[in-house]
Protein backbone atom coordinates (compact mmCIF):
# COMPACT_ATOMS: atom_id res chain seq x y z
CA GLY A 1 13.98 13.80 -30.65
CA ALA A 2 14.27 13.09 -26.96
CA ALA A 3 11.18 10.86 -26.85
CA GLU A 4 12.68 8.60 -29.50
CA GLN A 5 15.92 8.34 -27.52
CA TYR A 6 13.98 7.33 -24.41
CA GLN A 7 12.22 4.64 -26.43
CA TYR A 8 15.59 3.24 -27.49
CA ILE A 9 16.86 3.31 -23.91
CA LEU A 10 13.72 1.56 -22.65
CA ARG A 11 14.05 -1.08 -25.36
CA ASP A 12 17.71 -1.71 -24.54
CA GLU A 13 17.17 -1.86 -20.78
CA SER A 14 14.24 -4.24 -21.26
CA MET A 15 16.47 -6.49 -23.36
CA HIS A 16 19.13 -6.47 -20.61
CA CYS A 17 16.52 -7.40 -18.01
CA ASN A 18 15.10 -10.20 -20.16
CA PHE A 19 18.60 -11.55 -20.78
CA GLY A 20 19.20 -11.78 -17.03
CA ILE A 21 15.90 -13.56 -16.49
CA ASP A 22 16.62 -15.98 -19.34
CA LEU A 23 20.11 -16.65 -17.98
CA ILE A 24 18.85 -17.49 -14.50
CA ASN A 25 16.10 -19.69 -15.92
CA ALA A 26 18.66 -21.52 -18.09
CA ILE A 27 20.87 -22.14 -15.05
CA LYS A 28 17.86 -23.50 -13.16
CA LEU A 29 16.89 -25.82 -16.03
CA GLU A 30 20.37 -27.06 -16.91
CA ASN A 31 21.66 -27.36 -13.35
CA PRO A 32 18.70 -27.84 -11.00
CA HIS A 33 21.05 -29.12 -8.30
CA LEU A 34 22.61 -25.64 -8.13
CA TRP A 35 19.29 -23.95 -7.34
CA THR A 36 19.64 -24.33 -3.60
CA PRO A 37 18.17 -21.94 -1.03
CA ALA A 38 21.67 -20.51 -0.49
CA PHE A 39 22.22 -19.93 -4.23
CA LYS A 40 18.77 -18.39 -4.60
CA ALA A 41 19.51 -16.06 -1.67
CA ARG A 42 22.83 -15.07 -3.27
CA VAL A 43 21.16 -14.29 -6.60
CA CYS A 44 18.58 -12.15 -4.80
CA GLU A 45 21.35 -10.37 -2.91
CA LEU A 46 23.20 -9.64 -6.17
CA PHE A 47 20.05 -8.22 -7.74
CA ARG A 48 19.40 -6.00 -4.72
CA THR A 49 22.98 -4.72 -4.91
CA ALA A 50 22.66 -4.07 -8.64
CA VAL A 51 19.43 -2.12 -8.17
CA ASP A 52 20.97 -0.09 -5.35
CA LEU A 53 24.03 0.74 -7.46
CA GLU A 54 21.87 1.76 -10.43
CA TYR A 55 19.72 3.95 -8.19
CA ARG A 56 22.76 5.66 -6.65
CA TYR A 57 24.26 6.18 -10.12
CA ALA A 58 21.03 7.83 -11.28
CA GLU A 59 20.99 10.08 -8.21
CA ASP A 60 24.62 11.02 -8.80
CA THR A 61 24.22 11.81 -12.49
CA MET A 62 20.82 13.53 -12.12
CA PRO A 63 20.88 15.20 -8.67
CA ARG A 64 17.75 17.23 -9.45
CA GLY A 65 15.90 14.19 -10.78
CA VAL A 66 14.54 13.52 -14.23
CA LEU A 67 12.60 16.48 -15.55
CA GLY A 68 8.90 15.68 -15.60
CA LEU A 69 9.10 12.59 -13.37
């Protein structure tokens, strides 16, 4: 039922998050010269923007919140 669907969503979102972490770590390992303070700040800025957009999307699609949370 619904609980199973939430488990699938959690699994998929966790995989997306891990992919992003692995990608950034690969960039750092393969191109350490790129990992400057400016690049690090830009990556952080992009993540903050992504989180903000996701949060606003959730608020827009579920204006009364998630039932039970």
